[in-house]
Amino acid sequence: MIPDRNAFGQPIGSSLDKWTERPLPPGTPMVGRYCSIQKLDPERHAADLYAAFSETPDGRDWTYSPAGPFSHLAQYVDYLRREAVKSDPLHHAIVDSRSGKPVGTAALMRIDPVNGVIEIGHIVYSSRLKRTRAGTEAMYLFMRRVFDELGYRRYEWKCDSLNVPSRRAAERYGFRYEGTFRQAIVYKGRNRDTAWFSITDGEWPALRAAFEAWLAPDNFGEDGMQCQSLAAMQTLIPR
């Protein structure tokens, strides 16, 4: 893209003269075919979330999270109560449509309405949610809220650079890797180099079409296996 130039002939960013500050994300539910996303409520969600997370026999799901693992329910409830009162990060429970039970959490965070930037983080999927249609749909529902409902310009994903599953998930969902910030964070008594990924509003329409094609019931056989991968859907729709 050829940059704009000012009166001095210097290259400058494209004009955003019609840009306005975006609204803060609401706490209203997001409803899909396979899951719904609800504002985190410790009294409603904690026990079922703890039960789902406890199906993993060790603490590996919490290695790259700033929180956890939790040795008992009361400890987890205390953590959720502290987090649920915050507006940033704005924590959500991911509820499986078939069982009606919460099976994972995620948060919208580092919310910047002035610049139209928002991050998805604090993502913890239980074994009931990993590698499922509901798990993918949850990320689609967050994106739809950020871009279609709220009109943000940039959606970010950040993770420990050593967290290979998170990096792979970001790439599968259509995020583009932007670089690694060295020695960015200290957490759990250790260093974190942070890998940055993003999706912009200009990339979203094609990604939305790919998600919707992948999530369609006719993309899955009678055995429940996908006919086309999400990555394949993305290659079929120009970005």
C-alpha atoms as a PDB file:
ATOM      1  CA  MET A   1       0.000   0.000   0.000  1.00  0.00           C
ATOM      2  CA  ILE A   2       1.337   3.412  -0.963  1.00  0.00           C
ATOM      3  CA  PRO A   3       1.339   5.668   2.141  1.00  0.00           C
ATOM      4  CA  ASP A   4      -0.280   9.064   2.264  1.00  0.00           C
ATOM      5  CA  ARG A   5       2.039  12.086   2.350  1.00  0.00           C
ATOM      6  CA  ASN A   6       1.698  15.323   4.232  1.00  0.00           C
ATOM      7  CA  ALA A   7       2.429  18.847   2.990  1.00  0.00           C
ATOM      8  CA  PHE A   8       6.141  18.260   3.598  1.00  0.00           C
ATOM      9  CA  GLY A   9       6.239  15.125   1.453  1.00  0.00           C
ATOM     10  CA  GLN A  10       6.674  12.862   4.477  1.00  0.00           C
ATOM     11  CA  PRO A  11       4.921   9.451   4.454  1.00  0.00           C
ATOM     12  CA  ILE A  12       2.095   9.260   7.001  1.00  0.00           C
ATOM     13  CA  GLY A  13      -0.573   6.782   8.028  1.00  0.00           C
ATOM     14  CA  SER A  14      -3.879   6.618   6.210  1.00  0.00           C
ATOM     15  CA  SER A  15      -6.528   9.096   7.315  1.00  0.00           C
ATOM     16  CA  LEU A  16      -9.041   8.063   9.977  1.00  0.00           C
ATOM     17  CA  ASP A  17     -10.973  11.319  10.013  1.00  0.00           C
ATOM     18  CA  LYS A  18     -14.261   9.467  10.567  1.00  0.00           C
ATOM     19  CA  TRP A  19     -12.926   7.357  13.438  1.00  0.00           C
ATOM     20  CA  THR A  20     -14.701   7.654  16.792  1.00  0.00           C
ATOM     21  CA  GLU A  21     -14.007   6.139  20.177  1.00  0.00           C
ATOM     22  CA  ARG A  22     -15.577   2.690  20.461  1.00  0.00           C
ATOM     23  CA  PRO A  23     -17.875   1.487  23.265  1.00  0.00           C
ATOM     24  CA  LEU A  24     -16.696  -0.729  26.078  1.00  0.00           C
ATOM     25  CA  PRO A  25     -17.703  -4.382  25.710  1.00  0.00           C
ATOM     26  CA  PRO A  26     -20.997  -5.211  27.432  1.00  0.00           C
ATOM     27  CA  GLY A  27     -21.583  -8.125  29.742  1.00  0.00           C
ATOM     28  CA  THR A  28     -24.465  -9.482  27.687  1.00  0.00           C
ATOM     29  CA  PRO A  29     -24.405 -13.128  26.542  1.00  0.00           C
ATOM     30  CA  MET A  30     -23.098 -14.255  23.159  1.00  0.00           C
ATOM     31  CA  VAL A  31     -25.050 -17.203  21.820  1.00  0.00           C
ATOM     32  CA  GLY A  32     -23.924 -19.655  19.175  1.00  0.00           C
ATOM     33  CA  ARG A  33     -24.951 -23.068  17.902  1.00  0.00           C
ATOM     34  CA  TYR A  34     -22.563 -25.102  20.054  1.00  0.00           C
ATOM     35  CA  CYS A  35     -21.880 -22.807  22.992  1.00  0.00           C
ATOM     36  CA  SER A  36     -22.841 -19.583  24.680  1.00  0.00           C
ATOM     37  CA  ILE A  37     -20.574 -17.094  26.392  1.00  0.00           C
ATOM     38  CA  GLN A  38     -21.716 -15.527  29.646  1.00  0.00           C
ATOM     39  CA  LYS A  39     -20.201 -12.928  31.925  1.00  0.00           C
ATOM     40  CA  LEU A  40     -18.427 -14.829  34.661  1.00  0.00           C
ATOM     41  CA  ASP A  41     -20.544 -15.368  37.766  1.00  0.00           C
ATOM     42  CA  PRO A  42     -18.663 -17.261  40.496  1.00  0.00           C
ATOM     43  CA  GLU A  43     -21.834 -18.327  42.263  1.00  0.00           C
ATOM     44  CA  ARG A  44     -23.274 -19.866  39.080  1.00  0.00           C
ATOM     45  CA  HIS A  45     -20.147 -21.076  37.307  1.00  0.00           C
ATOM     46  CA  ALA A  46     -17.358 -21.878  39.779  1.00  0.00           C
ATOM     47  CA  ALA A  47     -18.368 -25.376  40.881  1.00  0.00           C
ATOM     48  CA  ASP A  48     -18.972 -26.676  37.354  1.00  0.00           C
ATOM     49  CA  LEU A  49     -15.803 -25.046  36.024  1.00  0.00           C
ATOM     50  CA  TYR A  50     -13.744 -26.546  38.820  1.00  0.00           C
ATOM     51  CA  ALA A  51     -15.240 -29.980  38.145  1.00  0.00           C
ATOM     52  CA  ALA A  52     -14.424 -29.692  34.437  1.00  0.00           C
ATOM     53  CA  PHE A  53     -10.854 -28.529  35.069  1.00  0.00           C
ATOM     54  CA  SER A  54     -10.353 -31.285  37.645  1.00  0.00           C
ATOM     55  CA  GLU A  55     -10.790 -33.935  34.951  1.00  0.00           C
ATOM     56  CA  THR A  56      -7.196 -33.182  33.956  1.00  0.00           C
ATOM     57  CA  PRO A  57      -5.223 -35.137  36.589  1.00  0.00           C
ATOM     58  CA  ASP A  58      -2.415 -32.609  36.975  1.00  0.00           C
ATOM     59  CA  GLY A  59      -1.750 -28.872  36.712  1.00  0.00           C
ATOM     60  CA  ARG A  60      -0.505 -28.732  33.122  1.00  0.00           C
ATOM     61  CA  ASP A  61      -3.448 -26.635  31.897  1.00  0.00           C
ATOM     62  CA  TRP A  62      -2.316 -23.811  34.209  1.00  0.00           C
ATOM     63  CA  THR A  63       1.405 -23.776  33.378  1.00  0.00           C
ATOM     64  CA  TYR A  64       1.226 -20.688  31.183  1.00  0.00           C
ATOM     65  CA  SER A  65      -1.593 -18.953  33.073  1.00  0.00           C
ATOM     66  CA  PRO A  66      -0.791 -16.297  35.686  1.00  0.00           C
ATOM     67  CA  ALA A  67      -3.250 -18.100  37.984  1.00  0.00           C
ATOM     68  CA  GLY A  68      -3.644 -21.677  39.224  1.00  0.00           C
ATOM     69  CA  PRO A  69      -3.507 -24.548  39.577  1.00  0.00           C
ATOM     70  CA  PHE A  70      -6.051 -24.720  42.372  1.00  0.00           C
ATOM     71  CA  SER A  71      -5.919 -27.447  44.998  1.00  0.00           C
ATOM     72  CA  HIS A  72      -9.561 -27.192  46.107  1.00  0.00           C
ATOM     73  CA  LEU A  73     -12.848 -25.592  45.103  1.00  0.00           C
ATOM     74  CA  ALA A  74     -12.822 -22.882  47.778  1.00  0.00           C
ATOM     75  CA  GLN A  75      -9.479 -21.622  46.482  1.00  0.00           C
ATOM     76  CA  TYR A  76     -10.848 -21.430  42.949  1.00  0.00           C
ATOM     77  CA  VAL A  77     -14.025 -19.677  44.111  1.00  0.00           C
ATOM     78  CA  ASP A  78     -11.947 -17.032  45.917  1.00  0.00           C
ATOM     79  CA  TYR A  79      -9.942 -16.443  42.747  1.00  0.00           C
ATOM     80  CA  LEU A  80     -13.053 -16.095  40.587  1.00  0.00           C
ATOM     81  CA  ARG A  81     -14.679 -13.706  43.048  1.00  0.00           C
ATOM     82  CA  ARG A  82     -11.642 -11.423  42.882  1.00  0.00           C
ATOM     83  CA  GLU A  83     -11.588 -11.529  39.097  1.00  0.00           C
ATOM     84  CA  ALA A  84     -15.332 -11.265  38.436  1.00  0.00           C
ATOM     85  CA  VAL A  85     -15.609  -7.747  39.881  1.00  0.00           C
ATOM     86  CA  LYS A  86     -13.081  -6.372  37.383  1.00  0.00           C
ATOM     87  CA  SER A  87     -14.116  -4.651  34.167  1.00  0.00           C
ATOM     88  CA  ASP A  88     -10.669  -5.197  32.619  1.00  0.00           C
ATOM     89  CA  PRO A  89     -10.036  -8.046  32.249  1.00  0.00           C
ATOM     90  CA  LEU A  90     -13.719  -8.799  31.635  1.00  0.00           C
ATOM     91  CA  HIS A  91     -13.981 -12.510  32.365  1.00  0.00           C
ATOM     92  CA  HIS A  92     -16.461 -14.853  30.692  1.00  0.00           C
ATOM     93  CA  ALA A  93     -17.549 -18.459  31.096  1.00  0.00           C
ATOM     94  CA  ILE A  94     -17.897 -20.627  27.985  1.00  0.00           C
ATOM     95  CA  VAL A  95     -21.008 -22.791  28.354  1.00  0.00           C
ATOM     96  CA  ASP A  96     -21.531 -25.962  26.329  1.00  0.00           C
ATOM     97  CA  SER A  97     -24.953 -25.857  24.657  1.00  0.00           C
ATOM     98  CA  ARG A  98     -25.626 -29.587  24.995  1.00  0.00           C
ATOM     99  CA  SER A  99     -24.875 -29.975  28.685  1.00  0.00           C
ATOM    100  CA  GLY A 100     -25.625 -26.407  29.787  1.00  0.00           C
ATOM    101  CA  LYS A 101     -22.413 -26.535  31.834  1.00  0.00           C
ATOM    102  CA  PRO A 102     -19.501 -24.070  31.761  1.00  0.00           C
ATOM    103  CA  VAL A 103     -16.403 -25.811  30.410  1.00  0.00           C
ATOM    104  CA  GLY A 104     -13.873 -23.009  29.972  1.00  0.00           C
ATOM    105  CA  THR A 105     -13.101 -19.343  30.493  1.00  0.00           C
ATOM    106  CA  ALA A 106     -11.695 -16.401  28.543  1.00  0.00           C
ATOM    107  CA  ALA A 107     -11.504 -12.646  29.026  1.00  0.00           C
ATOM    108  CA  LEU A 108     -11.536  -9.477  26.974  1.00  0.00           C
ATOM    109  CA  MET A 109      -8.694  -7.360  28.326  1.00  0.00           C
ATOM    110  CA  ARG A 110      -6.373  -4.415  27.779  1.00  0.00           C
ATOM    111  CA  ILE A 111      -9.443  -2.697  26.428  1.00  0.00           C
ATOM    112  CA  ASP A 112      -8.547   0.491  24.551  1.00  0.00           C
ATOM    113  CA  PRO A 113     -11.699   2.158  23.167  1.00  0.00           C
ATOM    114  CA  VAL A 114      -9.841   5.296  22.036  1.00  0.00           C
ATOM    115  CA  ASN A 115      -7.654   3.354  19.626  1.00  0.00           C
ATOM    116  CA  GLY A 116     -10.055   0.474  18.998  1.00  0.00           C
ATOM    117  CA  VAL A 117      -7.754  -2.251  20.325  1.00  0.00           C
ATOM    118  CA  ILE A 118      -8.720  -5.185  22.511  1.00  0.00           C
ATOM    119  CA  GLU A 119      -7.083  -8.464  23.550  1.00  0.00           C
ATOM    120  CA  ILE A 120      -8.419 -11.948  24.221  1.00  0.00           C
ATOM    121  CA  GLY A 121      -6.662 -13.580  27.141  1.00  0.00           C
ATOM    122  CA  HIS A 122      -6.950 -15.662  30.321  1.00  0.00           C
ATOM    123  CA  ILE A 123      -8.052 -18.522  28.067  1.00  0.00           C
ATOM    124  CA  VAL A 124      -8.390 -21.799  29.951  1.00  0.00           C
ATOM    125  CA  TYR A 125     -10.127 -24.711  28.197  1.00  0.00           C
ATOM    126  CA  SER A 126     -11.032 -27.858  30.087  1.00  0.00           C
ATOM    127  CA  SER A 127     -10.681 -31.259  28.447  1.00  0.00           C
ATOM    128  CA  ARG A 128     -14.424 -31.064  27.635  1.00  0.00           C
ATOM    129  CA  LEU A 129     -13.839 -27.992  25.445  1.00  0.00           C
ATOM    130  CA  LYS A 130     -10.491 -28.681  23.791  1.00  0.00           C
ATOM    131  CA  ARG A 131     -10.623 -29.750  20.118  1.00  0.00           C
ATOM    132  CA  THR A 132     -14.394 -29.264  19.911  1.00  0.00           C
ATOM    133  CA  ARG A 133     -16.694 -27.222  17.702  1.00  0.00           C
ATOM    134  CA  ALA A 134     -17.750 -25.269  20.788  1.00  0.00           C
ATOM    135  CA  GLY A 135     -14.142 -24.323  21.498  1.00  0.00           C
ATOM    136  CA  THR A 136     -13.706 -22.867  18.027  1.00  0.00           C
ATOM    137  CA  GLU A 137     -17.117 -21.225  18.042  1.00  0.00           C
ATOM    138  CA  ALA A 138     -16.289 -19.469  21.321  1.00  0.00           C
ATOM    139  CA  MET A 139     -13.370 -17.672  19.668  1.00  0.00           C
ATOM    140  CA  TYR A 140     -15.589 -16.773  16.697  1.00  0.00           C
ATOM    141  CA  LEU A 141     -18.225 -15.297  19.028  1.00  0.00           C
ATOM    142  CA  PHE A 142     -15.646 -13.109  20.765  1.00  0.00           C
ATOM    143  CA  MET A 143     -14.372 -11.873  17.395  1.00  0.00           C
ATOM    144  CA  ARG A 144     -17.882 -11.154  16.179  1.00  0.00           C
ATOM    145  CA  ARG A 145     -18.532  -9.050  19.270  1.00  0.00           C
ATOM    146  CA  VAL A 146     -15.275  -7.124  18.928  1.00  0.00           C
ATOM    147  CA  PHE A 147     -15.478  -6.384  15.201  1.00  0.00           C
ATOM    148  CA  ASP A 148     -19.155  -6.544  14.191  1.00  0.00           C
ATOM    149  CA  GLU A 149     -20.873  -5.366  17.348  1.00  0.00           C
ATOM    150  CA  LEU A 150     -18.327  -2.927  18.799  1.00  0.00           C
ATOM    151  CA  GLY A 151     -16.380  -1.861  15.696  1.00  0.00           C
ATOM    152  CA  TYR A 152     -12.847  -2.262  17.047  1.00  0.00           C
ATOM    153  CA  ARG A 153      -9.905  -2.047  14.637  1.00  0.00           C
ATOM    154  CA  ARG A 154      -7.486  -4.542  16.162  1.00  0.00           C
ATOM    155  CA  TYR A 155      -7.845  -7.793  18.098  1.00  0.00           C
ATOM    156  CA  GLU A 156      -4.799  -9.177  19.894  1.00  0.00           C
ATOM    157  CA  TRP A 157      -3.611 -12.541  21.195  1.00  0.00           C
ATOM    158  CA  LYS A 158      -0.509 -12.751  23.371  1.00  0.00           C
ATOM    159  CA  CYS A 159       1.125 -15.744  25.004  1.00  0.00           C
ATOM    160  CA  ASP A 160       4.342 -17.064  26.477  1.00  0.00           C
ATOM    161  CA  SER A 161       6.616 -17.614  23.488  1.00  0.00           C
ATOM    162  CA  LEU A 162       7.260 -21.157  24.797  1.00  0.00           C
ATOM    163  CA  ASN A 163       3.544 -22.016  24.859  1.00  0.00           C
ATOM    164  CA  VAL A 164       3.414 -23.976  21.608  1.00  0.00           C
ATOM    165  CA  PRO A 165      -0.278 -25.009  21.862  1.00  0.00           C
ATOM    166  CA  SER A 166      -1.317 -21.370  22.302  1.00  0.00           C
ATOM    167  CA  ARG A 167       0.792 -20.242  19.359  1.00  0.00           C
ATOM    168  CA  ARG A 168      -0.709 -22.958  17.177  1.00  0.00           C
ATOM    169  CA  ALA A 169      -4.222 -22.029  18.283  1.00  0.00           C
ATOM    170  CA  ALA A 170      -3.634 -18.365  17.421  1.00  0.00           C
ATOM    171  CA  GLU A 171      -2.456 -19.292  13.946  1.00  0.00           C
ATOM    172  CA  ARG A 172      -5.369 -21.692  13.422  1.00  0.00           C
ATOM    173  CA  TYR A 173      -7.845 -18.969  14.363  1.00  0.00           C
ATOM    174  CA  GLY A 174      -6.332 -16.625  11.787  1.00  0.00           C
ATOM    175  CA  PHE A 175      -4.137 -14.406  13.945  1.00  0.00           C
ATOM    176  CA  ARG A 176      -0.914 -13.172  12.358  1.00  0.00           C
ATOM    177  CA  TYR A 177       2.340 -13.382  14.269  1.00  0.00           C
ATOM    178  CA  GLU A 178       3.917  -9.963  14.775  1.00  0.00           C
ATOM    179  CA  GLY A 179       7.006 -10.644  16.866  1.00  0.00           C
ATOM    180  CA  THR A 180       8.249 -11.476  20.347  1.00  0.00           C
ATOM    181  CA  PHE A 181       8.756  -8.993  23.176  1.00  0.00           C
ATOM    182  CA  ARG A 182      11.746 -10.271  25.136  1.00  0.00           C
ATOM    183  CA  GLN A 183      11.646 -10.318  28.943  1.00  0.00           C
ATOM    184  CA  ALA A 184       8.196  -8.741  28.838  1.00  0.00           C
ATOM    185  CA  ILE A 185       6.666 -10.217  32.001  1.00  0.00           C
ATOM    186  CA  VAL A 186       7.631 -11.872  35.270  1.00  0.00           C
ATOM    187  CA  TYR A 187       5.049 -14.434  36.364  1.00  0.00           C
ATOM    188  CA  LYS A 188       5.099 -17.402  38.713  1.00  0.00           C
ATOM    189  CA  GLY A 189       8.692 -16.475  39.546  1.00  0.00           C
ATOM    190  CA  ARG A 190       9.975 -16.868  36.006  1.00  0.00           C
ATOM    191  CA  ASN A 191      10.593 -14.858  32.860  1.00  0.00           C
ATOM    192  CA  ARG A 192       8.132 -14.637  29.978  1.00  0.00           C
ATOM    193  CA  ASP A 193       9.052 -13.625  26.480  1.00  0.00           C
ATOM    194  CA  THR A 194       5.691 -12.687  24.954  1.00  0.00           C
ATOM    195  CA  ALA A 195       4.660 -13.632  21.414  1.00  0.00           C
ATOM    196  CA  TRP A 196       2.238 -11.139  19.843  1.00  0.00           C
ATOM    197  CA  PHE A 197      -0.467 -11.984  17.300  1.00  0.00           C
ATOM    198  CA  SER A 198      -3.290  -9.887  15.844  1.00  0.00           C
ATOM    199  CA  ILE A 199      -6.287  -9.701  13.524  1.00  0.00           C
ATOM    200  CA  THR A 200      -7.337  -6.357  12.024  1.00  0.00           C
ATOM    201  CA  ASP A 201     -10.787  -5.233  11.003  1.00  0.00           C
ATOM    202  CA  GLY A 202      -9.799  -5.415   7.325  1.00  0.00           C
ATOM    203  CA  GLU A 203      -8.944  -9.105   7.704  1.00  0.00           C
ATOM    204  CA  TRP A 204     -12.060  -9.977   9.654  1.00  0.00           C
ATOM    205  CA  PRO A 205     -14.686 -10.319   6.867  1.00  0.00           C
ATOM    206  CA  ALA A 206     -12.779 -13.135   5.167  1.00  0.00           C
ATOM    207  CA  LEU A 207     -12.013 -14.825   8.481  1.00  0.00           C
ATOM    208  CA  ARG A 208     -15.663 -14.550   9.519  1.00  0.00           C
ATOM    209  CA  ALA A 209     -16.700 -16.329   6.324  1.00  0.00           C
ATOM    210  CA  ALA A 210     -14.128 -19.071   6.983  1.00  0.00           C
ATOM    211  CA  PHE A 211     -15.321 -19.586  10.565  1.00  0.00           C
ATOM    212  CA  GLU A 212     -18.959 -19.729   9.483  1.00  0.00           C
ATOM    213  CA  ALA A 213     -18.193 -22.235   6.738  1.00  0.00           C
ATOM    214  CA  TRP A 214     -16.229 -24.410   9.173  1.00  0.00           C
ATOM    215  CA  LEU A 215     -18.893 -24.235  11.896  1.00  0.00           C
ATOM    216  CA  ALA A 216     -21.750 -25.143   9.518  1.00  0.00           C
ATOM    217  CA  PRO A 217     -23.304 -28.531  10.368  1.00  0.00           C
ATOM    218  CA  ASP A 218     -22.690 -29.818   6.822  1.00  0.00           C
ATOM    219  CA  ASN A 219     -18.928 -29.483   7.389  1.00  0.00           C
ATOM    220  CA  PHE A 220     -19.089 -32.486   9.727  1.00  0.00           C
ATOM    221  CA  GLY A 221     -19.759 -36.098   8.875  1.00  0.00           C
ATOM    222  CA  GLU A 222     -21.951 -38.533  10.761  1.00  0.00           C
ATOM    223  CA  ASP A 223     -18.898 -39.506  12.793  1.00  0.00           C
ATOM    224  CA  GLY A 224     -18.487 -35.890  13.923  1.00  0.00           C
ATOM    225  CA  MET A 225     -15.217 -35.418  12.050  1.00  0.00           C
ATOM    226  CA  GLN A 226     -14.650 -32.259  10.041  1.00  0.00           C
ATOM    227  CA  CYS A 227     -14.812 -32.424   6.246  1.00  0.00           C
ATOM    228  CA  GLN A 228     -12.648 -29.330   5.740  1.00  0.00           C
ATOM    229  CA  SER A 229     -10.235 -27.832   8.272  1.00  0.00           C
ATOM    230  CA  LEU A 230     -10.487 -24.219   9.378  1.00  0.00           C
ATOM    231  CA  ALA A 231      -7.102 -23.602   7.766  1.00  0.00           C
ATOM    232  CA  ALA A 232      -8.405 -24.986   4.482  1.00  0.00           C
ATOM    233  CA  MET A 233     -11.462 -22.741   4.716  1.00  0.00           C
ATOM    234  CA  GLN A 234      -9.183 -19.743   5.157  1.00  0.00           C
ATOM    235  CA  THR A 235      -7.216 -20.576   2.007  1.00  0.00           C
ATOM    236  CA  LEU A 236     -10.448 -20.744  -0.006  1.00  0.00           C
ATOM    237  CA  ILE A 237     -11.463 -17.210   1.018  1.00  0.00           C
ATOM    238  CA  PRO A 238      -8.990 -14.472  -0.017  1.00  0.00           C
ATOM    239  CA  ARG A 239      -7.815 -12.187   2.788  1.00  0.00           C
END
